[in-house]
């Protein structure tokens, strides 16, 4: 059998004495322990026992003249809560946010309003972004293929050629596919005869 030396072994007690003893008194029984923190634990237990005895004495004492519920005031809170309310938390903010800043004002000229870009500009923007996405994807595929061919042929010049050719082809085809989506949308007319 292996004995655990980290926990003190309690002395055997008759069962009749157990209900009379509190759990804290059971821990305070003299036992041998090799644990270096036992003395600290005992001090904490003694302090806790003192607090418990004070609380029991307060419970058993007759209640003093208590104030009526109507005279309850916020000043009866602990000082910690009052300190919390009085503390200025802006000291934790960065210096730029502690300066009073005016709200942003839109600089608009009278009579001017936002005009969305034309359909041609929107279409060109879509084609341009599609070409860039296709070029990036094609460049990645071209890098893989060009690396394989450059190693196989033992000539490094195949790598940039493959990246540019395949990237350009992917970009071109993805841009052409986007042109199809640039057509003008037809207005949908709702027939009121269906609702009658």
N, C-alpha and C. Protein backbone atom coordinates (compact mmCIF):
# COMPACT_ATOMS: atom_id res chain seq x y z
N UNK A 1 0.84 -1.20 0.00
CA UNK A 1 0.00 0.00 0.00
C UNK A 1 0.87 1.25 0.00
N UNK A 2 0.54 2.16 -0.85
CA UNK A 2 1.27 3.43 -0.90
C UNK A 2 0.50 4.46 -0.10
N UNK A 3 1.18 5.09 0.82
CA UNK A 3 0.53 6.11 1.65
C UNK A 3 0.74 7.48 1.02
N UNK A 4 -0.31 8.24 1.00
CA UNK A 4 -0.24 9.59 0.46
C UNK A 4 0.18 10.53 1.58
N UNK A 5 1.32 11.19 1.42
CA UNK A 5 1.81 12.10 2.45
C UNK A 5 1.36 13.53 2.20
N UNK A 6 0.66 13.76 1.10
CA UNK A 6 0.22 15.13 0.82
C UNK A 6 -1.02 15.51 1.61
N UNK A 7 -1.77 14.52 2.11
CA UNK A 7 -2.97 14.80 2.88
C UNK A 7 -2.79 14.25 4.29
N UNK A 8 -3.10 15.03 5.32
CA UNK A 8 -2.93 14.50 6.69
C UNK A 8 -3.96 13.41 6.97
N UNK A 9 -3.54 12.46 7.74
CA UNK A 9 -4.44 11.36 8.12
C UNK A 9 -5.17 11.74 9.39
N UNK A 10 -6.52 11.72 9.44
CA UNK A 10 -7.25 12.09 10.66
C UNK A 10 -7.18 10.97 11.69
N UNK A 11 -7.27 11.38 12.94
CA UNK A 11 -7.28 10.40 14.02
C UNK A 11 -8.66 9.75 14.09
N UNK A 12 -8.73 8.49 14.49
CA UNK A 12 -10.05 7.85 14.61
C UNK A 12 -10.84 8.47 15.76
N UNK A 13 -12.12 8.79 15.52
CA UNK A 13 -12.99 9.38 16.52
C UNK A 13 -14.21 8.50 16.72
N UNK A 14 -14.74 8.51 17.94
CA UNK A 14 -16.00 7.79 18.14
C UNK A 14 -17.11 8.48 17.34
N UNK A 15 -18.03 7.71 16.80
CA UNK A 15 -19.10 8.25 15.97
C UNK A 15 -20.02 9.18 16.73
N UNK A 16 -20.10 9.08 18.05
CA UNK A 16 -20.98 9.95 18.83
C UNK A 16 -20.48 11.38 18.85
N UNK A 17 -19.16 11.59 18.71
CA UNK A 17 -18.62 12.95 18.75
C UNK A 17 -18.68 13.66 17.40
N UNK A 18 -18.87 12.94 16.32
CA UNK A 18 -18.83 13.55 15.00
C UNK A 18 -19.89 14.63 14.78
N UNK A 19 -21.18 14.45 15.18
CA UNK A 19 -22.13 15.52 14.94
C UNK A 19 -21.83 16.80 15.72
N UNK A 20 -21.17 16.68 16.85
CA UNK A 20 -20.90 17.85 17.67
C UNK A 20 -19.76 18.69 17.10
N UNK A 21 -18.93 18.07 16.29
CA UNK A 21 -17.78 18.80 15.74
C UNK A 21 -18.12 19.36 14.37
N UNK A 22 -17.68 20.58 14.12
CA UNK A 22 -17.89 21.16 12.79
C UNK A 22 -16.83 20.60 11.85
N UNK A 23 -17.03 20.72 10.55
CA UNK A 23 -16.01 20.23 9.60
C UNK A 23 -14.67 20.94 9.76
N UNK A 24 -14.70 22.20 10.20
CA UNK A 24 -13.45 22.93 10.36
C UNK A 24 -12.68 22.41 11.57
N UNK A 25 -13.39 21.99 12.60
CA UNK A 25 -12.72 21.46 13.79
C UNK A 25 -12.11 20.10 13.47
N UNK A 26 -12.75 19.35 12.57
CA UNK A 26 -12.17 18.06 12.19
C UNK A 26 -10.83 18.27 11.50
N UNK A 27 -10.73 19.33 10.70
CA UNK A 27 -9.48 19.60 10.01
C UNK A 27 -8.42 20.12 10.96
N UNK A 28 -8.82 20.70 12.08
CA UNK A 28 -7.88 21.28 13.02
C UNK A 28 -7.32 20.25 13.99
N UNK A 29 -7.75 19.00 13.91
CA UNK A 29 -7.22 17.97 14.79
C UNK A 29 -5.73 17.80 14.55
N UNK A 30 -4.97 17.49 15.58
CA UNK A 30 -3.53 17.36 15.40
C UNK A 30 -3.20 16.13 14.55
N UNK A 31 -2.57 16.38 13.45
CA UNK A 31 -2.12 15.31 12.57
C UNK A 31 -0.73 15.65 12.09
N UNK A 32 -0.05 14.64 11.61
CA UNK A 32 1.29 14.88 11.11
C UNK A 32 1.22 15.03 9.60
N UNK A 33 1.83 16.09 9.11
CA UNK A 33 1.82 16.33 7.68
C UNK A 33 3.19 16.80 7.23
N UNK A 34 3.60 16.33 6.07
CA UNK A 34 4.87 16.76 5.49
C UNK A 34 4.65 17.84 4.43
N UNK A 35 3.43 18.26 4.27
CA UNK A 35 3.10 19.27 3.29
C UNK A 35 3.56 20.63 3.79
N UNK A 36 4.36 21.40 3.00
CA UNK A 36 4.84 22.70 3.48
C UNK A 36 3.75 23.76 3.57
N UNK A 37 2.61 23.54 2.94
CA UNK A 37 1.55 24.54 2.94
C UNK A 37 0.52 24.30 4.06
N UNK A 38 0.77 23.32 4.89
CA UNK A 38 -0.19 23.00 5.95
C UNK A 38 -0.33 24.16 6.92
N UNK A 39 0.78 24.79 7.30
CA UNK A 39 0.71 25.90 8.25
C UNK A 39 -0.10 27.05 7.67
N UNK A 40 0.08 27.34 6.40
CA UNK A 40 -0.70 28.41 5.77
C UNK A 40 -2.18 28.06 5.74
N UNK A 41 -2.49 26.79 5.44
CA UNK A 41 -3.88 26.36 5.41
C UNK A 41 -4.50 26.47 6.80
N UNK A 42 -3.73 26.10 7.82
CA UNK A 42 -4.26 26.18 9.19
C UNK A 42 -4.55 27.62 9.57
N UNK A 43 -3.68 28.54 9.17
CA UNK A 43 -3.93 29.95 9.47
C UNK A 43 -5.21 30.43 8.79
N UNK A 44 -5.39 30.03 7.54
CA UNK A 44 -6.62 30.41 6.83
C UNK A 44 -7.85 29.82 7.51
N UNK A 45 -7.72 28.58 7.96
CA UNK A 45 -8.86 27.94 8.63
C UNK A 45 -9.18 28.63 9.95
N UNK A 46 -8.14 29.05 10.67
CA UNK A 46 -8.37 29.76 11.94
C UNK A 46 -9.07 31.10 11.68
N UNK A 47 -8.63 31.81 10.64
CA UNK A 47 -9.29 33.08 10.31
C UNK A 47 -10.75 32.85 9.92
N UNK A 48 -11.00 31.79 9.17
CA UNK A 48 -12.36 31.48 8.76
C UNK A 48 -13.21 31.10 9.97
N UNK A 49 -12.61 30.37 10.89
CA UNK A 49 -13.35 30.00 12.11
C UNK A 49 -13.68 31.24 12.93
N UNK A 50 -12.76 32.20 13.00
CA UNK A 50 -13.03 33.44 13.73
C UNK A 50 -14.18 34.21 13.08
N UNK A 51 -14.16 34.28 11.75
CA UNK A 51 -15.24 34.97 11.04
C UNK A 51 -16.58 34.29 11.25
N UNK A 52 -16.57 32.94 11.24
CA UNK A 52 -17.82 32.21 11.49
C UNK A 52 -18.34 32.46 12.89
N UNK A 53 -17.45 32.50 13.86
CA UNK A 53 -17.91 32.76 15.23
C UNK A 53 -18.46 34.19 15.35
N UNK A 54 -17.85 35.15 14.67
CA UNK A 54 -18.38 36.51 14.68
C UNK A 54 -19.77 36.56 14.04
N UNK A 55 -19.95 35.85 12.92
CA UNK A 55 -21.25 35.84 12.26
C UNK A 55 -22.31 35.16 13.13
N UNK A 56 -21.92 34.09 13.80
CA UNK A 56 -22.88 33.43 14.70
C UNK A 56 -23.28 34.35 15.84
N UNK A 57 -22.30 35.10 16.37
CA UNK A 57 -22.61 36.03 17.46
C UNK A 57 -23.54 37.13 16.97
N UNK A 58 -23.34 37.59 15.75
CA UNK A 58 -24.23 38.63 15.20
C UNK A 58 -25.64 38.09 14.97
N UNK A 59 -25.74 36.82 14.57
CA UNK A 59 -27.06 36.24 14.35
C UNK A 59 -27.80 36.02 15.67
N UNK A 60 -27.07 35.63 16.71
CA UNK A 60 -27.71 35.35 17.99
C UNK A 60 -28.04 36.62 18.77
N UNK A 61 -27.33 37.71 18.47
CA UNK A 61 -27.57 38.96 19.19
C UNK A 61 -28.92 39.53 18.77
N UNK A 62 -29.62 40.20 19.71
CA UNK A 62 -30.89 40.81 19.34
C UNK A 62 -30.65 41.94 18.34
N UNK A 63 -31.58 42.11 17.40
CA UNK A 63 -31.38 43.17 16.41
C UNK A 63 -31.44 44.54 17.06
N UNK A 64 -30.54 45.39 16.65
CA UNK A 64 -30.51 46.76 17.18
C UNK A 64 -31.60 47.57 16.50
N UNK A 65 -31.74 48.80 16.94
CA UNK A 65 -32.74 49.68 16.35
C UNK A 65 -32.40 49.85 14.87
N UNK A 66 -33.15 49.21 14.05
CA UNK A 66 -32.89 49.31 12.61
C UNK A 66 -33.68 50.46 12.03
N UNK A 67 -33.14 51.02 10.95
CA UNK A 67 -33.81 52.12 10.29
C UNK A 67 -34.98 51.57 9.49
N UNK A 68 -36.07 52.33 9.39
CA UNK A 68 -37.17 51.87 8.56
C UNK A 68 -36.75 51.84 7.09
N UNK A 69 -37.47 51.06 6.30
CA UNK A 69 -37.14 50.89 4.89
C UNK A 69 -37.26 52.19 4.12
N UNK A 70 -38.09 53.12 4.59
CA UNK A 70 -38.28 54.37 3.86
C UNK A 70 -37.06 55.29 3.98
N UNK A 71 -36.22 55.08 5.02
CA UNK A 71 -35.07 55.95 5.18
C UNK A 71 -33.83 55.38 4.51
N UNK A 72 -33.99 54.42 3.62
CA UNK A 72 -32.85 53.84 2.90
C UNK A 72 -32.29 54.88 1.95
N UNK A 73 -31.00 55.07 2.00
CA UNK A 73 -30.38 56.06 1.13
C UNK A 73 -29.25 55.42 0.34
N UNK A 74 -28.94 55.95 -0.84
CA UNK A 74 -27.85 55.40 -1.63
C UNK A 74 -26.50 55.55 -0.96
N UNK A 75 -26.39 56.45 0.02
CA UNK A 75 -25.10 56.63 0.68
C UNK A 75 -24.74 55.45 1.57
N UNK A 76 -25.69 54.52 1.78
CA UNK A 76 -25.41 53.37 2.61
C UNK A 76 -24.62 52.30 1.88
N UNK A 77 -24.39 52.49 0.57
CA UNK A 77 -23.56 51.54 -0.16
C UNK A 77 -22.13 51.64 0.32
N UNK A 78 -21.37 50.61 0.02
CA UNK A 78 -19.97 50.61 0.45
C UNK A 78 -19.19 51.67 -0.32
N UNK A 79 -18.05 52.03 0.24
CA UNK A 79 -17.24 53.08 -0.38
C UNK A 79 -16.65 52.61 -1.70
N UNK A 80 -16.51 51.30 -1.90
CA UNK A 80 -15.96 50.82 -3.16
C UNK A 80 -16.88 51.19 -4.32
N UNK A 81 -18.18 51.05 -4.13
CA UNK A 81 -19.12 51.40 -5.19
C UNK A 81 -19.08 52.90 -5.46
N UNK A 82 -18.97 53.70 -4.41
CA UNK A 82 -18.90 55.14 -4.59
C UNK A 82 -17.60 55.53 -5.29
N UNK A 83 -16.51 54.85 -4.94
CA UNK A 83 -15.24 55.13 -5.62
C UNK A 83 -15.35 54.78 -7.10
N UNK A 84 -16.04 53.71 -7.41
CA UNK A 84 -16.20 53.30 -8.80
C UNK A 84 -16.98 54.34 -9.59
N UNK A 85 -18.03 54.88 -8.99
CA UNK A 85 -18.82 55.89 -9.68
C UNK A 85 -18.06 57.20 -9.83
N UNK A 86 -17.17 57.51 -8.90
CA UNK A 86 -16.45 58.78 -8.94
C UNK A 86 -15.22 58.72 -9.83
N UNK A 87 -14.74 57.53 -10.15
CA UNK A 87 -13.50 57.42 -10.91
C UNK A 87 -13.71 57.85 -12.36
N UNK A 88 -12.70 58.53 -12.91
CA UNK A 88 -12.74 59.00 -14.29
C UNK A 88 -12.03 57.96 -15.15
N UNK A 89 -12.80 57.24 -15.95
CA UNK A 89 -12.24 56.16 -16.76
C UNK A 89 -11.69 56.65 -18.10
N UNK A 90 -11.82 57.93 -18.38
CA UNK A 90 -11.29 58.44 -19.64
C UNK A 90 -9.77 58.44 -19.64
N UNK A 91 -9.15 58.26 -18.49
CA UNK A 91 -7.68 58.21 -18.46
C UNK A 91 -7.15 56.95 -19.13
N UNK A 92 -8.00 55.94 -19.30
CA UNK A 92 -7.57 54.72 -19.96
C UNK A 92 -7.69 54.80 -21.49
N UNK A 93 -8.33 55.84 -22.00
CA UNK A 93 -8.50 56.00 -23.44
C UNK A 93 -7.23 56.59 -24.05
N UNK A 94 -7.00 56.35 -25.33
CA UNK A 94 -5.84 56.99 -25.97
C UNK A 94 -6.01 58.50 -26.02
N UNK A 95 -4.89 59.20 -26.19
CA UNK A 95 -4.91 60.66 -26.16
C UNK A 95 -5.76 61.24 -27.28
N UNK A 96 -5.80 60.57 -28.43
CA UNK A 96 -6.57 61.10 -29.55
C UNK A 96 -8.07 61.10 -29.28
N UNK A 97 -8.53 60.19 -28.44
CA UNK A 97 -9.97 60.14 -28.16
C UNK A 97 -10.37 61.03 -26.99
N UNK A 98 -9.40 61.59 -26.27
CA UNK A 98 -9.72 62.46 -25.14
C UNK A 98 -9.97 63.90 -25.59
N UNK A 99 -9.64 64.20 -26.83
CA UNK A 99 -9.85 65.55 -27.37
C UNK A 99 -11.26 65.64 -27.93
N UNK A 100 -11.91 66.75 -27.67
CA UNK A 100 -13.25 66.94 -28.22
C UNK A 100 -13.17 67.03 -29.74
N UNK A 101 -13.92 66.22 -30.41
CA UNK A 101 -13.89 66.20 -31.86
C UNK A 101 -15.27 66.58 -32.38
N UNK A 102 -15.27 67.39 -33.42
CA UNK A 102 -16.54 67.79 -34.01
C UNK A 102 -17.02 66.67 -34.93
N UNK A 103 -18.32 66.51 -35.07
CA UNK A 103 -18.82 65.47 -35.98
C UNK A 103 -18.47 65.80 -37.42
N UNK A 104 -18.31 64.79 -38.27
CA UNK A 104 -17.95 65.07 -39.66
C UNK A 104 -19.07 65.81 -40.39
N UNK A 105 -18.67 66.73 -41.24
CA UNK A 105 -19.61 67.52 -42.02
C UNK A 105 -19.35 67.23 -43.49
N UNK A 106 -20.39 66.92 -44.22
CA UNK A 106 -20.25 66.62 -45.63
C UNK A 106 -20.04 67.92 -46.40
N UNK A 107 -19.01 67.93 -47.22
CA UNK A 107 -18.69 69.10 -48.04
C UNK A 107 -19.40 68.95 -49.38
N UNK A 108 -20.60 69.42 -49.45
CA UNK A 108 -21.35 69.32 -50.71
C UNK A 108 -21.71 70.72 -51.20
N UNK A 109 -21.79 70.83 -52.48
CA UNK A 109 -22.21 72.10 -53.06
C UNK A 109 -23.71 72.06 -53.27
N UNK A 110 -24.38 73.18 -53.10
CA UNK A 110 -25.83 73.18 -53.28
C UNK A 110 -26.20 72.82 -54.72
N UNK A 111 -27.20 71.99 -54.86
CA UNK A 111 -27.66 71.58 -56.18
C UNK A 111 -26.96 70.34 -56.69
N UNK A 112 -25.90 69.90 -56.02
CA UNK A 112 -25.18 68.70 -56.46
C UNK A 112 -25.74 67.50 -55.69
N UNK A 113 -25.78 66.39 -56.33
CA UNK A 113 -26.22 65.17 -55.70
C UNK A 113 -25.41 64.01 -56.26
N UNK A 114 -25.47 62.88 -55.58
CA UNK A 114 -24.71 61.72 -56.01
C UNK A 114 -25.29 61.16 -57.30
N UNK A 115 -24.42 60.95 -58.26
CA UNK A 115 -24.85 60.37 -59.53
C UNK A 115 -24.12 59.05 -59.71
N UNK A 116 -24.84 57.97 -59.82
CA UNK A 116 -24.16 56.68 -59.97
C UNK A 116 -23.40 56.63 -61.29
N UNK A 117 -22.35 55.82 -61.38
CA UNK A 117 -21.58 55.74 -62.63
C UNK A 117 -22.45 55.20 -63.76
N UNK A 118 -22.04 55.54 -64.97
CA UNK A 118 -22.82 55.10 -66.14
C UNK A 118 -22.72 53.59 -66.30
N UNK A 119 -23.60 53.06 -67.14
CA UNK A 119 -23.63 51.62 -67.37
C UNK A 119 -22.33 51.15 -68.02
N UNK A 120 -21.75 51.96 -68.91
CA UNK A 120 -20.50 51.59 -69.57
C UNK A 120 -19.36 51.53 -68.57
N UNK A 121 -19.30 52.49 -67.63
CA UNK A 121 -18.25 52.48 -66.62
C UNK A 121 -18.41 51.28 -65.70
N UNK A 122 -19.64 50.96 -65.31
CA UNK A 122 -19.88 49.79 -64.47
C UNK A 122 -19.45 48.52 -65.18
N UNK A 123 -19.78 48.42 -66.48
CA UNK A 123 -19.42 47.24 -67.26
C UNK A 123 -17.91 47.12 -67.38
N UNK A 124 -17.23 48.23 -67.65
CA UNK A 124 -15.77 48.20 -67.76
C UNK A 124 -15.13 47.80 -66.44
N UNK A 125 -15.67 48.28 -65.34
CA UNK A 125 -15.14 47.93 -64.02
C UNK A 125 -15.30 46.44 -63.75
N UNK A 126 -16.45 45.87 -64.14
CA UNK A 126 -16.67 44.44 -63.95
C UNK A 126 -15.71 43.62 -64.81
N UNK A 127 -15.51 44.03 -66.06
CA UNK A 127 -14.60 43.31 -66.95
C UNK A 127 -13.17 43.38 -66.42
N UNK A 128 -12.79 44.55 -65.93
CA UNK A 128 -11.44 44.73 -65.40
C UNK A 128 -11.20 43.83 -64.20
N UNK A 129 -12.14 43.78 -63.26
CA UNK A 129 -11.95 42.93 -62.07
C UNK A 129 -11.97 41.45 -62.46
N UNK A 130 -12.80 41.07 -63.44
CA UNK A 130 -12.82 39.68 -63.88
C UNK A 130 -11.50 39.30 -64.54
N UNK A 131 -10.92 40.21 -65.33
CA UNK A 131 -9.63 39.94 -65.96
C UNK A 131 -8.53 39.77 -64.91
N UNK A 132 -8.58 40.60 -63.87
CA UNK A 132 -7.55 40.49 -62.82
C UNK A 132 -7.69 39.18 -62.06
N UNK A 133 -8.91 38.77 -61.73
CA UNK A 133 -9.11 37.51 -61.02
C UNK A 133 -8.68 36.34 -61.90
N UNK A 134 -9.08 36.36 -63.16
CA UNK A 134 -8.67 35.29 -64.08
C UNK A 134 -7.17 35.27 -64.28
N UNK A 135 -6.54 36.44 -64.37
CA UNK A 135 -5.09 36.49 -64.52
C UNK A 135 -4.37 35.94 -63.31
N UNK A 136 -4.88 36.23 -62.09
CA UNK A 136 -4.26 35.70 -60.88
C UNK A 136 -4.39 34.19 -60.80
N UNK A 137 -5.56 33.69 -61.12
CA UNK A 137 -5.77 32.24 -61.10
C UNK A 137 -4.94 31.56 -62.18
N UNK A 138 -4.94 32.13 -63.38
CA UNK A 138 -4.15 31.56 -64.47
C UNK A 138 -2.66 31.65 -64.18
N UNK A 139 -2.22 32.72 -63.53
CA UNK A 139 -0.81 32.83 -63.17
C UNK A 139 -0.39 31.75 -62.20
N UNK A 140 -1.27 31.42 -61.25
CA UNK A 140 -0.95 30.35 -60.30
C UNK A 140 -0.86 29.01 -61.02
N UNK A 141 -1.81 28.73 -61.90
CA UNK A 141 -1.78 27.48 -62.66
C UNK A 141 -0.56 27.47 -63.59
N UNK A 142 -0.26 28.61 -64.22
CA UNK A 142 0.91 28.72 -65.08
C UNK A 142 2.21 28.52 -64.33
N UNK A 143 2.26 28.98 -63.08
CA UNK A 143 3.46 28.76 -62.27
C UNK A 143 3.68 27.28 -62.01
N UNK A 144 2.60 26.58 -61.69
CA UNK A 144 2.73 25.13 -61.45
C UNK A 144 3.17 24.41 -62.73
N UNK A 145 2.49 24.70 -63.83
CA UNK A 145 2.82 24.05 -65.10
C UNK A 145 4.21 24.46 -65.57
N UNK A 146 4.55 25.76 -65.47
CA UNK A 146 5.86 26.24 -65.90
C UNK A 146 6.99 25.65 -65.07
N UNK A 147 6.75 25.46 -63.77
CA UNK A 147 7.77 24.83 -62.93
C UNK A 147 8.03 23.41 -63.41
N UNK A 148 6.96 22.68 -63.69
CA UNK A 148 7.12 21.30 -64.17
C UNK A 148 7.91 21.25 -65.48
N UNK A 149 7.55 22.13 -66.44
CA UNK A 149 8.21 22.13 -67.75
C UNK A 149 9.66 22.61 -67.61
N UNK A 150 9.91 23.61 -66.74
CA UNK A 150 11.28 24.12 -66.57
C UNK A 150 12.19 23.04 -65.99
N UNK A 151 11.67 22.24 -65.07
CA UNK A 151 12.48 21.15 -64.50
C UNK A 151 12.67 20.06 -65.53
N UNK A 152 11.62 19.73 -66.25
CA UNK A 152 11.70 18.66 -67.25
C UNK A 152 12.65 19.03 -68.39
N UNK A 153 12.57 20.28 -68.90
CA UNK A 153 13.40 20.70 -70.04
C UNK A 153 14.73 21.30 -69.58
N UNK A 154 14.89 21.51 -68.27
CA UNK A 154 16.11 22.10 -67.71
C UNK A 154 16.40 23.47 -68.32
N UNK A 155 15.33 24.26 -68.44
CA UNK A 155 15.44 25.62 -68.96
C UNK A 155 14.45 26.49 -68.18
N UNK A 156 14.95 27.50 -67.46
CA UNK A 156 14.13 28.31 -66.57
C UNK A 156 13.24 29.28 -67.34
N UNK A 157 13.53 29.58 -68.58
CA UNK A 157 12.77 30.56 -69.35
C UNK A 157 11.32 30.12 -69.58
N UNK A 158 11.06 28.82 -69.44
CA UNK A 158 9.69 28.33 -69.62
C UNK A 158 8.75 28.79 -68.49
N UNK A 159 9.29 29.04 -67.32
CA UNK A 159 8.46 29.42 -66.16
C UNK A 159 7.73 30.75 -66.39
N UNK A 160 8.40 31.88 -66.68
CA UNK A 160 7.63 33.12 -66.88
C UNK A 160 6.76 33.10 -68.12
N UNK A 161 7.19 32.37 -69.14
CA UNK A 161 6.36 32.29 -70.35
C UNK A 161 5.04 31.60 -70.04
N UNK A 162 5.10 30.50 -69.29
CA UNK A 162 3.87 29.77 -68.93
C UNK A 162 2.97 30.61 -68.04
N UNK A 163 3.57 31.34 -67.09
CA UNK A 163 2.77 32.18 -66.18
C UNK A 163 2.04 33.25 -66.98
N UNK A 164 2.73 33.93 -67.90
CA UNK A 164 2.10 35.00 -68.67
C UNK A 164 1.06 34.47 -69.66
N UNK A 165 1.39 33.38 -70.35
CA UNK A 165 0.44 32.85 -71.35
C UNK A 165 -0.83 32.33 -70.69
N UNK A 166 -0.69 31.49 -69.67
CA UNK A 166 -1.89 30.89 -69.05
C UNK A 166 -2.66 31.95 -68.26
N UNK A 167 -1.95 32.86 -67.60
CA UNK A 167 -2.63 33.93 -66.88
C UNK A 167 -3.41 34.83 -67.82
N UNK A 168 -2.80 35.18 -68.96
CA UNK A 168 -3.50 36.01 -69.93
C UNK A 168 -4.71 35.31 -70.52
N UNK A 169 -4.59 34.01 -70.79
CA UNK A 169 -5.72 33.26 -71.35
C UNK A 169 -6.87 33.17 -70.35
N UNK A 170 -6.56 32.84 -69.10
CA UNK A 170 -7.61 32.75 -68.09
C UNK A 170 -8.29 34.11 -67.91
N UNK A 171 -7.49 35.18 -67.85
CA UNK A 171 -8.06 36.52 -67.69
C UNK A 171 -8.93 36.91 -68.86
N UNK A 172 -8.49 36.58 -70.08
CA UNK A 172 -9.26 36.92 -71.27
C UNK A 172 -10.61 36.21 -71.26
N UNK A 173 -10.61 34.91 -70.97
CA UNK A 173 -11.87 34.17 -71.01
C UNK A 173 -12.81 34.57 -69.88
N UNK A 174 -12.27 34.87 -68.70
CA UNK A 174 -13.14 35.30 -67.61
C UNK A 174 -13.70 36.70 -67.90
N UNK A 175 -12.89 37.56 -68.54
CA UNK A 175 -13.39 38.88 -68.93
C UNK A 175 -14.48 38.78 -69.98
N UNK A 176 -14.31 37.86 -70.96
CA UNK A 176 -15.36 37.66 -71.98
C UNK A 176 -16.64 37.13 -71.35
N UNK A 177 -16.50 36.28 -70.37
CA UNK A 177 -17.69 35.77 -69.68
C UNK A 177 -18.42 36.86 -68.92
N UNK A 178 -17.69 37.86 -68.46
CA UNK A 178 -18.32 38.95 -67.73
C UNK A 178 -19.05 39.91 -68.67
N UNK A 179 -18.59 40.02 -69.91
CA UNK A 179 -19.26 40.89 -70.88
C UNK A 179 -20.71 40.45 -71.05
N UNK A 180 -20.96 39.16 -71.01
CA UNK A 180 -22.32 38.65 -71.16
C UNK A 180 -23.23 39.19 -70.07
N UNK A 181 -22.67 39.41 -68.89
CA UNK A 181 -23.49 39.88 -67.77
C UNK A 181 -23.66 41.38 -67.76
N UNK A 182 -23.06 42.09 -68.70
CA UNK A 182 -23.16 43.56 -68.75
C UNK A 182 -24.36 44.05 -69.55
N UNK A 183 -25.17 43.16 -70.09
CA UNK A 183 -26.30 43.63 -70.90
C UNK A 183 -27.32 44.34 -70.03
N UNK A 184 -28.11 45.17 -70.65
CA UNK A 184 -29.08 45.97 -69.91
C UNK A 184 -30.22 45.09 -69.42
N UNK A 185 -30.58 45.32 -68.18
CA UNK A 185 -31.68 44.54 -67.61
C UNK A 185 -33.00 45.06 -68.12
N UNK A 186 -33.85 44.15 -68.44
CA UNK A 186 -35.16 44.54 -68.93
C UNK A 186 -36.06 44.82 -67.74
N UNK A 187 -36.90 45.85 -67.89
CA UNK A 187 -37.84 46.20 -66.83
C UNK A 187 -38.93 45.14 -66.76
N UNK A 188 -39.25 44.73 -65.57
CA UNK A 188 -40.29 43.74 -65.36
C UNK A 188 -41.61 44.44 -65.16
N UNK A 189 -42.60 44.11 -65.97
CA UNK A 189 -43.92 44.71 -65.84
C UNK A 189 -44.84 43.71 -65.14
N UNK A 190 -45.54 44.21 -64.14
CA UNK A 190 -46.47 43.37 -63.40
C UNK A 190 -47.86 43.60 -63.96
N UNK A 191 -48.50 42.53 -64.31
CA UNK A 191 -49.84 42.62 -64.87
C UNK A 191 -50.85 42.64 -63.72
N UNK A 192 -51.67 43.70 -63.64
CA UNK A 192 -52.62 43.84 -62.56
C UNK A 192 -53.86 42.95 -62.77
N UNK A 193 -54.00 42.35 -63.93
CA UNK A 193 -55.20 41.54 -64.16
C UNK A 193 -55.14 40.24 -63.39
N UNK A 194 -53.94 39.80 -62.97
CA UNK A 194 -53.83 38.55 -62.21
C UNK A 194 -54.35 38.68 -60.81
N UNK A 195 -54.29 39.89 -60.25
CA UNK A 195 -54.70 40.10 -58.86
C UNK A 195 -56.20 40.25 -58.71
N UNK A 196 -56.93 40.39 -59.80
CA UNK A 196 -58.38 40.63 -59.70
C UNK A 196 -59.15 39.35 -59.58
